[in-house]
Amino acid sequence: MTLKTGGIPETIPGSFGDRAEFESMMRGSTLLGKTATLADVGNVASFVASDQARTMTSSTVNISCGAIVDI
């Protein structure tokens, strides 16, 4: 199982020069106007590792908020 994000702003170091601008660009590239959080990644990872996802195989789970569109 693969989890695919469009980037997680919480992981950008505080010392990154134009952090606010970079985060804004990340949000702007999504269909939902927001980005996934580390909590989102943890929740989805917990789900795909659980028995509830037992029928999912060889899958990519897209949690990019629409930044990466699956075709």
N, C-alpha and C. Protein backbone atom coordinates (compact mmCIF):
# COMPACT_ATOMS: atom_id res chain seq x y z
N MET A 1 0.85 -1.16 0.00
CA MET A 1 0.00 0.00 0.00
C MET A 1 0.90 1.24 0.00
N THR A 2 0.52 2.19 -0.80
CA THR A 2 1.26 3.45 -0.89
C THR A 2 0.34 4.61 -0.54
N LEU A 3 0.82 5.52 0.29
CA LEU A 3 0.08 6.75 0.58
C LEU A 3 0.74 7.87 -0.22
N LYS A 4 -0.07 8.64 -0.92
CA LYS A 4 0.45 9.71 -1.77
C LYS A 4 -0.10 11.04 -1.29
N THR A 5 0.80 11.97 -0.94
CA THR A 5 0.38 13.31 -0.51
C THR A 5 0.88 14.34 -1.52
N GLY A 6 0.37 15.53 -1.40
CA GLY A 6 0.86 16.64 -2.20
C GLY A 6 1.82 17.50 -1.39
N GLY A 7 2.25 16.96 -0.26
CA GLY A 7 3.13 17.69 0.66
C GLY A 7 2.42 17.98 1.96
N ILE A 8 3.16 17.98 3.04
CA ILE A 8 2.62 18.22 4.38
C ILE A 8 3.33 19.46 4.94
N PRO A 9 2.65 20.60 4.98
CA PRO A 9 3.29 21.84 5.44
C PRO A 9 3.93 21.74 6.83
N GLU A 10 3.37 20.92 7.71
CA GLU A 10 3.93 20.78 9.05
C GLU A 10 5.37 20.26 9.05
N THR A 11 5.77 19.63 7.95
CA THR A 11 7.11 19.05 7.88
C THR A 11 8.16 20.02 7.35
N ILE A 12 7.74 21.21 6.95
CA ILE A 12 8.68 22.20 6.45
C ILE A 12 9.41 22.83 7.64
N PRO A 13 10.72 22.80 7.63
CA PRO A 13 11.46 23.38 8.76
C PRO A 13 11.13 24.85 8.97
N GLY A 14 11.10 25.26 10.22
CA GLY A 14 10.81 26.66 10.55
C GLY A 14 11.82 27.62 9.97
N SER A 15 13.03 27.13 9.72
CA SER A 15 14.09 27.99 9.18
C SER A 15 14.02 28.13 7.66
N PHE A 16 13.06 27.44 7.03
CA PHE A 16 12.92 27.52 5.58
C PHE A 16 12.57 28.95 5.20
N GLY A 17 13.32 29.54 4.30
CA GLY A 17 13.20 30.96 3.95
C GLY A 17 11.81 31.49 3.71
N ASP A 18 11.14 31.04 2.68
CA ASP A 18 9.82 31.55 2.32
C ASP A 18 8.75 30.53 2.66
N ARG A 19 8.77 30.08 3.89
CA ARG A 19 7.85 29.00 4.30
C ARG A 19 6.39 29.35 4.05
N ALA A 20 5.96 30.53 4.46
CA ALA A 20 4.55 30.93 4.30
C ALA A 20 4.16 30.94 2.83
N GLU A 21 5.02 31.44 1.98
CA GLU A 21 4.73 31.48 0.55
C GLU A 21 4.67 30.06 -0.02
N PHE A 22 5.58 29.20 0.41
CA PHE A 22 5.60 27.82 -0.05
C PHE A 22 4.33 27.09 0.38
N GLU A 23 3.91 27.29 1.63
CA GLU A 23 2.68 26.67 2.12
C GLU A 23 1.48 27.16 1.31
N SER A 24 1.45 28.44 1.00
CA SER A 24 0.36 29.01 0.21
C SER A 24 0.33 28.39 -1.18
N MET A 25 1.48 28.18 -1.77
CA MET A 25 1.55 27.55 -3.09
C MET A 25 1.05 26.10 -3.02
N MET A 26 1.40 25.41 -1.94
CA MET A 26 0.94 24.03 -1.78
C MET A 26 -0.58 23.98 -1.69
N ARG A 27 -1.16 24.85 -0.87
CA ARG A 27 -2.62 24.91 -0.74
C ARG A 27 -3.28 25.30 -2.06
N GLY A 28 -2.69 26.25 -2.75
CA GLY A 28 -3.25 26.74 -4.01
C GLY A 28 -3.26 25.70 -5.12
N SER A 29 -2.42 24.69 -5.00
CA SER A 29 -2.36 23.68 -6.06
C SER A 29 -3.34 22.53 -5.83
N THR A 30 -4.13 22.62 -4.76
CA THR A 30 -5.08 21.54 -4.47
C THR A 30 -6.48 21.90 -4.94
N LEU A 31 -7.30 20.88 -5.14
CA LEU A 31 -8.69 21.12 -5.52
C LEU A 31 -9.53 21.54 -4.32
N LEU A 32 -9.08 21.18 -3.11
CA LEU A 32 -9.83 21.49 -1.90
C LEU A 32 -9.39 22.78 -1.22
N GLY A 33 -8.29 23.37 -1.68
CA GLY A 33 -7.80 24.60 -1.07
C GLY A 33 -7.18 24.38 0.30
N LYS A 34 -6.77 23.16 0.57
CA LYS A 34 -6.10 22.84 1.84
C LYS A 34 -5.16 21.67 1.59
N THR A 35 -4.32 21.39 2.56
CA THR A 35 -3.38 20.28 2.44
C THR A 35 -3.64 19.28 3.56
N ALA A 36 -3.15 18.07 3.36
CA ALA A 36 -3.25 17.06 4.40
C ALA A 36 -2.32 17.44 5.56
N THR A 37 -2.67 16.96 6.74
CA THR A 37 -1.86 17.19 7.93
C THR A 37 -1.19 15.87 8.33
N LEU A 38 -0.26 15.95 9.26
CA LEU A 38 0.35 14.73 9.77
C LEU A 38 -0.70 13.85 10.43
N ALA A 39 -1.70 14.45 11.06
CA ALA A 39 -2.79 13.67 11.65
C ALA A 39 -3.57 12.93 10.57
N ASP A 40 -3.80 13.59 9.43
CA ASP A 40 -4.47 12.93 8.31
C ASP A 40 -3.68 11.72 7.84
N VAL A 41 -2.38 11.88 7.69
CA VAL A 41 -1.53 10.78 7.25
C VAL A 41 -1.61 9.63 8.25
N GLY A 42 -1.54 9.95 9.53
CA GLY A 42 -1.63 8.91 10.56
C GLY A 42 -2.96 8.19 10.54
N ASN A 43 -4.04 8.94 10.37
CA ASN A 43 -5.37 8.32 10.34
C ASN A 43 -5.54 7.40 9.14
N VAL A 44 -5.09 7.84 7.98
CA VAL A 44 -5.21 7.02 6.78
C VAL A 44 -4.29 5.81 6.88
N ALA A 45 -3.08 6.01 7.38
CA ALA A 45 -2.16 4.89 7.55
C ALA A 45 -2.74 3.85 8.51
N SER A 46 -3.37 4.31 9.58
CA SER A 46 -4.00 3.39 10.53
C SER A 46 -5.11 2.60 9.85
N PHE A 47 -5.88 3.28 9.02
CA PHE A 47 -6.96 2.59 8.31
C PHE A 47 -6.42 1.52 7.37
N VAL A 48 -5.45 1.90 6.52
CA VAL A 48 -4.98 0.93 5.52
C VAL A 48 -4.21 -0.23 6.16
N ALA A 49 -3.74 -0.03 7.39
CA ALA A 49 -3.06 -1.11 8.10
C ALA A 49 -4.03 -1.97 8.90
N SER A 50 -5.29 -1.56 8.94
CA SER A 50 -6.28 -2.26 9.76
C SER A 50 -7.01 -3.34 8.98
N ASP A 51 -7.76 -4.15 9.71
CA ASP A 51 -8.58 -5.18 9.09
C ASP A 51 -9.69 -4.58 8.22
N GLN A 52 -10.06 -3.33 8.46
CA GLN A 52 -11.10 -2.69 7.65
C GLN A 52 -10.66 -2.54 6.19
N ALA A 53 -9.37 -2.51 5.95
CA ALA A 53 -8.85 -2.37 4.58
C ALA A 53 -8.30 -3.70 4.06
N ARG A 54 -8.75 -4.78 4.64
CA ARG A 54 -8.19 -6.10 4.31
C ARG A 54 -8.38 -6.50 2.86
N THR A 55 -9.34 -5.91 2.16
CA THR A 55 -9.56 -6.27 0.76
C THR A 55 -8.80 -5.38 -0.21
N MET A 56 -8.11 -4.37 0.29
CA MET A 56 -7.32 -3.48 -0.57
C MET A 56 -5.95 -4.11 -0.81
N THR A 57 -5.58 -4.22 -2.07
CA THR A 57 -4.28 -4.78 -2.42
C THR A 57 -3.65 -3.94 -3.52
N SER A 58 -2.33 -3.87 -3.51
CA SER A 58 -1.58 -3.16 -4.55
C SER A 58 -2.21 -1.82 -4.88
N SER A 59 -2.51 -1.04 -3.86
CA SER A 59 -3.23 0.21 -4.04
C SER A 59 -2.39 1.42 -3.67
N THR A 60 -2.72 2.53 -4.30
CA THR A 60 -2.18 3.82 -3.91
C THR A 60 -3.33 4.63 -3.36
N VAL A 61 -3.17 5.13 -2.14
CA VAL A 61 -4.21 5.92 -1.50
C VAL A 61 -3.80 7.39 -1.62
N ASN A 62 -4.62 8.15 -2.32
CA ASN A 62 -4.32 9.54 -2.62
C ASN A 62 -4.93 10.43 -1.55
N ILE A 63 -4.07 11.06 -0.75
CA ILE A 63 -4.53 12.01 0.27
C ILE A 63 -3.91 13.38 0.00
N SER A 64 -3.86 13.75 -1.30
CA SER A 64 -3.22 15.00 -1.70
C SER A 64 -4.19 16.18 -1.74
N CYS A 65 -5.44 15.97 -1.34
CA CYS A 65 -6.47 17.02 -1.40
C CYS A 65 -6.68 17.53 -2.82
N GLY A 66 -6.34 16.70 -3.81
CA GLY A 66 -6.54 17.06 -5.19
C GLY A 66 -5.34 17.70 -5.86
N ALA A 67 -4.21 17.78 -5.17
CA ALA A 67 -3.00 18.32 -5.80
C ALA A 67 -2.48 17.36 -6.86
N ILE A 68 -2.70 16.08 -6.63
CA ILE A 68 -2.33 15.03 -7.58
C ILE A 68 -3.62 14.34 -7.97
N VAL A 69 -4.00 14.46 -9.22
CA VAL A 69 -5.28 13.89 -9.67
C VAL A 69 -5.02 12.53 -10.29
N ASP A 70 -5.70 11.51 -9.76
CA ASP A 70 -5.61 10.16 -10.30
C ASP A 70 -6.47 10.07 -11.55
N ILE A 71 -5.92 9.44 -12.54
CA ILE A 71 -6.67 9.29 -13.79
C ILE A 71 -6.94 7.82 -14.02
